[in-house]
Amino acid sequence: MKKKSKPRQVVAPSPVNADRVSTELCRRVKELRQARGWSLEALSNACGVSRSMLSQIERNEANPTLAVTVRIAQAFGLTLGELVESPQASSSIHVIRAHDREYHYRSDKSCSLRTLSPLHLEKDVEFYELELKPDACLQSAPHFEGTREFLTVQKGRLRVTSGDDCVDVEKGDSASYHADVPHSIANTGRSAATAFLVVIYD
């Protein structure tokens, strides 16, 4: 006669605090929007959600539907999980794969700009890889007051303009400059140029 096996003990997962998740999501949306230097109108245009709804979400006065949350995540180039997950629950190692198109801010025949820093993490620093074809130029409007950029050239020759100042840099050179004024990075060489760009918010 076979002994009866003991019933398996099922451990129920800890209940999720819905209010805490909602509060974290609202905070994350506002944080990501400000880190991009976007207005509510700009985010609205990017995700197709009304400006008033986005404002209510950021103030934690509205609980967005799943469809709305997905559209907001896509506007930031994130998966739904990356937008809503708690940073404390994430792995200590975050990998951005070279082929992951979600992290390509711009990719066309003249310019490729790819983020190397995960946007869902709390930070005041952003890290990018920039590739420019000959005669191509990446022009940027002023960021928040006190913002600076640090550019290191890996290949080619670039011209950095910050306000009324301008400097030429080439392989191995690094330049730091104010990014709270109109600024640009132009390829002045005959071949494609590659550089790493760090943006630091004051």
C-alpha atoms as a PDB file:
ATOM      1  CA  MET A   1       0.000   0.000   0.000  1.00  0.00           C
ATOM      2  CA  LYS A   2       1.435   3.304  -1.068  1.00  0.00           C
ATOM      3  CA  LYS A   3       1.748   6.030   1.434  1.00  0.00           C
ATOM      4  CA  LYS A   4      -0.251   9.074   0.675  1.00  0.00           C
ATOM      5  CA  SER A   5       2.019  11.893  -0.332  1.00  0.00           C
ATOM      6  CA  LYS A   6       1.742  15.101   1.544  1.00  0.00           C
ATOM      7  CA  PRO A   7      -0.032  17.841  -0.361  1.00  0.00           C
ATOM      8  CA  ARG A   8       2.318  20.405  -1.852  1.00  0.00           C
ATOM      9  CA  GLN A   9       2.459  23.594   0.089  1.00  0.00           C
ATOM     10  CA  VAL A  10       1.759  26.538  -2.133  1.00  0.00           C
ATOM     11  CA  VAL A  11       3.152  29.810  -0.932  1.00  0.00           C
ATOM     12  CA  ALA A  12       1.076  32.690  -2.116  1.00  0.00           C
ATOM     13  CA  PRO A  13       3.015  35.660  -3.454  1.00  0.00           C
ATOM     14  CA  SER A  14       3.054  38.813  -1.414  1.00  0.00           C
ATOM     15  CA  PRO A  15       0.167  41.051  -2.384  1.00  0.00           C
ATOM     16  CA  VAL A  16       1.099  43.989  -4.576  1.00  0.00           C
ATOM     17  CA  ASN A  17       0.282  47.389  -3.179  1.00  0.00           C
ATOM     18  CA  ALA A  18      -1.666  48.857  -6.094  1.00  0.00           C
ATOM     19  CA  ASP A  19      -1.535  52.390  -4.695  1.00  0.00           C
ATOM     20  CA  ARG A  20       2.250  52.239  -4.398  1.00  0.00           C
ATOM     21  CA  VAL A  21       2.600  50.948  -7.966  1.00  0.00           C
ATOM     22  CA  SER A  22       0.329  53.709  -9.263  1.00  0.00           C
ATOM     23  CA  THR A  23       2.265  56.374  -7.355  1.00  0.00           C
ATOM     24  CA  GLU A  24       5.569  55.024  -8.676  1.00  0.00           C
ATOM     25  CA  LEU A  25       4.253  55.020 -12.255  1.00  0.00           C
ATOM     26  CA  CYS A  26       3.081  58.623 -12.002  1.00  0.00           C
ATOM     27  CA  ARG A  27       6.424  59.717 -10.579  1.00  0.00           C
ATOM     28  CA  ARG A  28       8.308  57.817 -13.293  1.00  0.00           C
ATOM     29  CA  VAL A  29       6.359  59.446 -16.140  1.00  0.00           C
ATOM     30  CA  LYS A  30       7.120  62.940 -14.847  1.00  0.00           C
ATOM     31  CA  GLU A  31      10.769  62.074 -14.194  1.00  0.00           C
ATOM     32  CA  LEU A  32      11.323  60.662 -17.681  1.00  0.00           C
ATOM     33  CA  ARG A  33       9.558  63.571 -19.361  1.00  0.00           C
ATOM     34  CA  GLN A  34      11.668  66.146 -17.526  1.00  0.00           C
ATOM     35  CA  ALA A  35      14.878  64.187 -18.181  1.00  0.00           C
ATOM     36  CA  ARG A  36      14.101  64.389 -21.909  1.00  0.00           C
ATOM     37  CA  GLY A  37      13.426  68.100 -21.668  1.00  0.00           C
ATOM     38  CA  TRP A  38       9.912  67.516 -23.000  1.00  0.00           C
ATOM     39  CA  SER A  39       6.873  69.629 -22.249  1.00  0.00           C
ATOM     40  CA  LEU A  40       3.547  67.944 -21.564  1.00  0.00           C
ATOM     41  CA  GLU A  41       2.555  68.947 -25.090  1.00  0.00           C
ATOM     42  CA  ALA A  42       5.637  67.220 -26.550  1.00  0.00           C
ATOM     43  CA  LEU A  43       4.894  64.008 -24.652  1.00  0.00           C
ATOM     44  CA  SER A  44       1.264  64.210 -25.733  1.00  0.00           C
ATOM     45  CA  ASN A  45       2.332  64.438 -29.375  1.00  0.00           C
ATOM     46  CA  ALA A  46       4.703  61.494 -28.921  1.00  0.00           C
ATOM     47  CA  CYS A  47       2.227  59.100 -27.290  1.00  0.00           C
ATOM     48  CA  GLY A  48      -1.185  60.318 -28.482  1.00  0.00           C
ATOM     49  CA  VAL A  49      -2.489  60.831 -24.934  1.00  0.00           C
ATOM     50  CA  SER A  50      -4.096  64.190 -24.198  1.00  0.00           C
ATOM     51  CA  ARG A  51      -2.099  66.820 -22.347  1.00  0.00           C
ATOM     52  CA  SER A  52      -4.745  67.084 -19.613  1.00  0.00           C
ATOM     53  CA  MET A  53      -4.686  63.322 -19.022  1.00  0.00           C
ATOM     54  CA  LEU A  54      -0.888  63.299 -18.804  1.00  0.00           C
ATOM     55  CA  SER A  55      -1.024  66.171 -16.321  1.00  0.00           C
ATOM     56  CA  GLN A  56      -3.481  64.230 -14.150  1.00  0.00           C
ATOM     57  CA  ILE A  57      -1.305  61.119 -14.340  1.00  0.00           C
ATOM     58  CA  GLU A  58       1.812  63.028 -13.244  1.00  0.00           C
ATOM     59  CA  ARG A  59      -0.104  64.505 -10.296  1.00  0.00           C
ATOM     60  CA  ASN A  60      -1.347  61.002  -9.403  1.00  0.00           C
ATOM     61  CA  GLU A  61      -4.925  62.134  -9.962  1.00  0.00           C
ATOM     62  CA  ALA A  62      -5.692  59.579 -12.687  1.00  0.00           C
ATOM     63  CA  ASN A  63      -5.077  55.852 -12.990  1.00  0.00           C
ATOM     64  CA  PRO A  64      -4.111  55.202 -16.656  1.00  0.00           C
ATOM     65  CA  THR A  65      -5.502  52.215 -18.509  1.00  0.00           C
ATOM     66  CA  LEU A  66      -3.176  49.508 -19.794  1.00  0.00           C
ATOM     67  CA  ALA A  67      -3.463  50.856 -23.344  1.00  0.00           C
ATOM     68  CA  VAL A  68      -2.530  54.375 -22.247  1.00  0.00           C
ATOM     69  CA  THR A  69       0.402  53.074 -20.196  1.00  0.00           C
ATOM     70  CA  VAL A  70       1.718  51.108 -23.173  1.00  0.00           C
ATOM     71  CA  ARG A  71       1.556  54.200 -25.405  1.00  0.00           C
ATOM     72  CA  ILE A  72       3.451  56.270 -22.829  1.00  0.00           C
ATOM     73  CA  ALA A  73       6.103  53.561 -22.475  1.00  0.00           C
ATOM     74  CA  GLN A  74       6.560  53.402 -26.257  1.00  0.00           C
ATOM     75  CA  ALA A  75       6.981  57.176 -26.432  1.00  0.00           C
ATOM     76  CA  PHE A  76       9.942  56.879 -24.036  1.00  0.00           C
ATOM     77  CA  GLY A  77      11.367  53.904 -25.916  1.00  0.00           C
ATOM     78  CA  LEU A  78      10.657  51.550 -23.012  1.00  0.00           C
ATOM     79  CA  THR A  79       8.811  48.285 -22.601  1.00  0.00           C
ATOM     80  CA  LEU A  80       5.762  48.257 -20.374  1.00  0.00           C
ATOM     81  CA  GLY A  81       7.703  46.301 -17.754  1.00  0.00           C
ATOM     82  CA  GLU A  82      10.546  48.829 -17.702  1.00  0.00           C
ATOM     83  CA  LEU A  83       8.124  51.699 -17.178  1.00  0.00           C
ATOM     84  CA  VAL A  84       6.112  50.196 -14.343  1.00  0.00           C
ATOM     85  CA  GLU A  85       8.656  48.017 -12.549  1.00  0.00           C
ATOM     86  CA  SER A  86      10.050  49.106  -9.227  1.00  0.00           C
ATOM     87  CA  PRO A  87      13.782  49.934  -9.462  1.00  0.00           C
ATOM     88  CA  GLN A  88      14.380  47.929  -6.266  1.00  0.00           C
ATOM     89  CA  ALA A  89      13.010  44.804  -7.980  1.00  0.00           C
ATOM     90  CA  SER A  90      15.316  45.076 -10.970  1.00  0.00           C
ATOM     91  CA  SER A  91      18.499  43.115 -11.449  1.00  0.00           C
ATOM     92  CA  SER A  92      21.652  44.908 -10.392  1.00  0.00           C
ATOM     93  CA  ILE A  93      22.953  44.429 -13.949  1.00  0.00           C
ATOM     94  CA  HIS A  94      21.095  46.114 -16.799  1.00  0.00           C
ATOM     95  CA  VAL A  95      22.222  45.298 -20.324  1.00  0.00           C
ATOM     96  CA  ILE A  96      21.360  47.338 -23.401  1.00  0.00           C
ATOM     97  CA  ARG A  97      21.879  45.143 -26.436  1.00  0.00           C
ATOM     98  CA  ALA A  98      23.457  46.665 -29.533  1.00  0.00           C
ATOM     99  CA  HIS A  99      20.593  45.451 -31.722  1.00  0.00           C
ATOM    100  CA  ASP A 100      17.802  46.733 -29.424  1.00  0.00           C
ATOM    101  CA  ARG A 101      16.039  49.375 -31.520  1.00  0.00           C
ATOM    102  CA  GLU A 102      14.102  50.699 -28.522  1.00  0.00           C
ATOM    103  CA  TYR A 103      17.215  52.577 -27.455  1.00  0.00           C
ATOM    104  CA  HIS A 104      17.824  54.260 -30.804  1.00  0.00           C
ATOM    105  CA  TYR A 105      16.603  57.844 -30.502  1.00  0.00           C
ATOM    106  CA  ARG A 106      17.511  58.612 -34.067  1.00  0.00           C
ATOM    107  CA  SER A 107      18.635  56.380 -36.878  1.00  0.00           C
ATOM    108  CA  ASP A 108      18.707  57.624 -40.460  1.00  0.00           C
ATOM    109  CA  LYS A 109      21.126  57.937 -43.361  1.00  0.00           C
ATOM    110  CA  SER A 110      23.069  60.802 -41.753  1.00  0.00           C
ATOM    111  CA  CYS A 111      22.894  60.290 -37.997  1.00  0.00           C
ATOM    112  CA  SER A 112      22.557  57.536 -35.406  1.00  0.00           C
ATOM    113  CA  LEU A 113      22.018  58.395 -31.728  1.00  0.00           C
ATOM    114  CA  ARG A 114      21.717  55.504 -29.278  1.00  0.00           C
ATOM    115  CA  THR A 115      21.346  55.699 -25.523  1.00  0.00           C
ATOM    116  CA  LEU A 116      23.734  53.586 -23.449  1.00  0.00           C
ATOM    117  CA  SER A 117      22.062  54.388 -20.130  1.00  0.00           C
ATOM    118  CA  PRO A 118      18.723  52.833 -19.055  1.00  0.00           C
ATOM    119  CA  LEU A 119      16.051  55.505 -18.939  1.00  0.00           C
ATOM    120  CA  HIS A 120      13.973  53.826 -16.241  1.00  0.00           C
ATOM    121  CA  LEU A 121      16.673  54.325 -13.613  1.00  0.00           C
ATOM    122  CA  GLU A 122      16.725  57.389 -11.397  1.00  0.00           C
ATOM    123  CA  LYS A 123      19.585  59.519 -12.640  1.00  0.00           C
ATOM    124  CA  ASP A 124      20.781  62.947 -13.611  1.00  0.00           C
ATOM    125  CA  VAL A 125      23.286  61.648 -16.188  1.00  0.00           C
ATOM    126  CA  GLU A 126      22.633  60.305 -19.695  1.00  0.00           C
ATOM    127  CA  PHE A 127      25.130  58.412 -21.864  1.00  0.00           C
ATOM    128  CA  TYR A 128      24.920  58.150 -25.672  1.00  0.00           C
ATOM    129  CA  GLU A 129      26.738  56.752 -28.675  1.00  0.00           C
ATOM    130  CA  LEU A 130      26.697  59.132 -31.642  1.00  0.00           C
ATOM    131  CA  GLU A 131      27.516  58.311 -35.264  1.00  0.00           C
ATOM    132  CA  LEU A 132      27.539  61.019 -37.933  1.00  0.00           C
ATOM    133  CA  LYS A 133      28.099  60.642 -41.658  1.00  0.00           C
ATOM    134  CA  PRO A 134      30.220  63.256 -43.521  1.00  0.00           C
ATOM    135  CA  ASP A 135      28.580  66.714 -43.541  1.00  0.00           C
ATOM    136  CA  ALA A 136      25.913  65.532 -41.063  1.00  0.00           C
ATOM    137  CA  CYS A 137      25.052  67.673 -38.040  1.00  0.00           C
ATOM    138  CA  LEU A 138      23.181  66.982 -34.804  1.00  0.00           C
ATOM    139  CA  GLN A 139      21.542  70.234 -33.658  1.00  0.00           C
ATOM    140  CA  SER A 140      19.989  70.567 -30.215  1.00  0.00           C
ATOM    141  CA  ALA A 141      17.813  73.166 -28.526  1.00  0.00           C
ATOM    142  CA  PRO A 142      18.860  74.393 -25.056  1.00  0.00           C
ATOM    143  CA  HIS A 143      18.399  71.866 -22.245  1.00  0.00           C
ATOM    144  CA  PHE A 144      17.634  72.744 -18.621  1.00  0.00           C
ATOM    145  CA  GLU A 145      19.698  75.546 -17.065  1.00  0.00           C
ATOM    146  CA  GLY A 146      23.073  74.267 -15.883  1.00  0.00           C
ATOM    147  CA  THR A 147      23.150  71.252 -18.223  1.00  0.00           C
ATOM    148  CA  ARG A 148      26.563  70.339 -19.633  1.00  0.00           C
ATOM    149  CA  GLU A 149      27.674  67.831 -22.247  1.00  0.00           C
ATOM    150  CA  PHE A 150      30.947  65.899 -22.462  1.00  0.00           C
ATOM    151  CA  LEU A 151      31.922  64.589 -25.893  1.00  0.00           C
ATOM    152  CA  THR A 152      34.740  62.096 -26.560  1.00  0.00           C
ATOM    153  CA  VAL A 153      35.646  61.354 -30.179  1.00  0.00           C
ATOM    154  CA  GLN A 154      36.328  57.721 -30.941  1.00  0.00           C
ATOM    155  CA  LYS A 155      36.700  58.095 -34.711  1.00  0.00           C
ATOM    156  CA  GLY A 156      36.730  60.952 -37.213  1.00  0.00           C
ATOM    157  CA  ARG A 157      36.648  64.728 -36.868  1.00  0.00           C
ATOM    158  CA  LEU A 158      33.845  66.792 -35.328  1.00  0.00           C
ATOM    159  CA  ARG A 159      33.043  70.448 -34.780  1.00  0.00           C
ATOM    160  CA  VAL A 160      31.297  71.324 -31.527  1.00  0.00           C
ATOM    161  CA  THR A 161      29.334  74.566 -31.279  1.00  0.00           C
ATOM    162  CA  SER A 162      27.923  75.865 -27.996  1.00  0.00           C
ATOM    163  CA  GLY A 163      26.259  79.255 -28.222  1.00  0.00           C
ATOM    164  CA  ASP A 164      28.793  81.527 -29.923  1.00  0.00           C
ATOM    165  CA  ASP A 165      31.758  79.235 -29.218  1.00  0.00           C
ATOM    166  CA  CYS A 166      33.092  76.639 -31.632  1.00  0.00           C
ATOM    167  CA  VAL A 167      35.923  74.060 -31.520  1.00  0.00           C
ATOM    168  CA  ASP A 168      37.213  71.232 -33.732  1.00  0.00           C
ATOM    169  CA  VAL A 169      37.978  67.863 -32.123  1.00  0.00           C
ATOM    170  CA  GLU A 170      39.244  64.550 -33.502  1.00  0.00           C
ATOM    171  CA  LYS A 171      39.997  60.986 -32.405  1.00  0.00           C
ATOM    172  CA  GLY A 172      40.994  60.845 -28.730  1.00  0.00           C
ATOM    173  CA  ASP A 173      39.882  64.408 -27.965  1.00  0.00           C
ATOM    174  CA  SER A 174      37.255  65.290 -25.367  1.00  0.00           C
ATOM    175  CA  ALA A 175      35.230  68.487 -25.160  1.00  0.00           C
ATOM    176  CA  SER A 176      32.949  69.781 -22.412  1.00  0.00           C
ATOM    177  CA  TYR A 177      30.526  72.594 -23.030  1.00  0.00           C
ATOM    178  CA  HIS A 178      27.308  74.278 -21.953  1.00  0.00           C
ATOM    179  CA  ALA A 179      24.182  72.543 -23.230  1.00  0.00           C
ATOM    180  CA  ASP A 180      21.683  75.059 -21.820  1.00  0.00           C
ATOM    181  CA  VAL A 181      22.204  77.135 -24.983  1.00  0.00           C
ATOM    182  CA  PRO A 182      21.698  76.131 -28.633  1.00  0.00           C
ATOM    183  CA  HIS A 183      24.439  73.631 -29.463  1.00  0.00           C
ATOM    184  CA  SER A 184      25.434  71.283 -32.256  1.00  0.00           C
ATOM    185  CA  ILE A 185      27.878  68.544 -33.259  1.00  0.00           C
ATOM    186  CA  ALA A 186      28.902  68.423 -36.929  1.00  0.00           C
ATOM    187  CA  ASN A 187      31.052  65.994 -38.876  1.00  0.00           C
ATOM    188  CA  THR A 188      33.708  68.031 -40.714  1.00  0.00           C
ATOM    189  CA  GLY A 189      35.740  65.049 -41.906  1.00  0.00           C
ATOM    190  CA  ARG A 190      35.564  62.952 -45.052  1.00  0.00           C
ATOM    191  CA  SER A 191      34.521  59.746 -43.299  1.00  0.00           C
ATOM    192  CA  ALA A 192      31.939  58.711 -40.721  1.00  0.00           C
ATOM    193  CA  ALA A 193      32.605  59.865 -37.160  1.00  0.00           C
ATOM    194  CA  THR A 194      31.802  58.128 -33.886  1.00  0.00           C
ATOM    195  CA  ALA A 195      31.709  59.730 -30.458  1.00  0.00           C
ATOM    196  CA  PHE A 196      30.433  59.103 -26.945  1.00  0.00           C
ATOM    197  CA  LEU A 197      28.267  61.802 -25.399  1.00  0.00           C
ATOM    198  CA  VAL A 198      27.525  62.289 -21.710  1.00  0.00           C
ATOM    199  CA  VAL A 199      24.787  64.729 -20.645  1.00  0.00           C
ATOM    200  CA  ILE A 200      24.887  65.936 -17.041  1.00  0.00           C
ATOM    201  CA  TYR A 201      21.920  67.784 -15.547  1.00  0.00           C
ATOM    202  CA  ASP A 202      22.665  70.247 -12.770  1.00  0.00           C
END
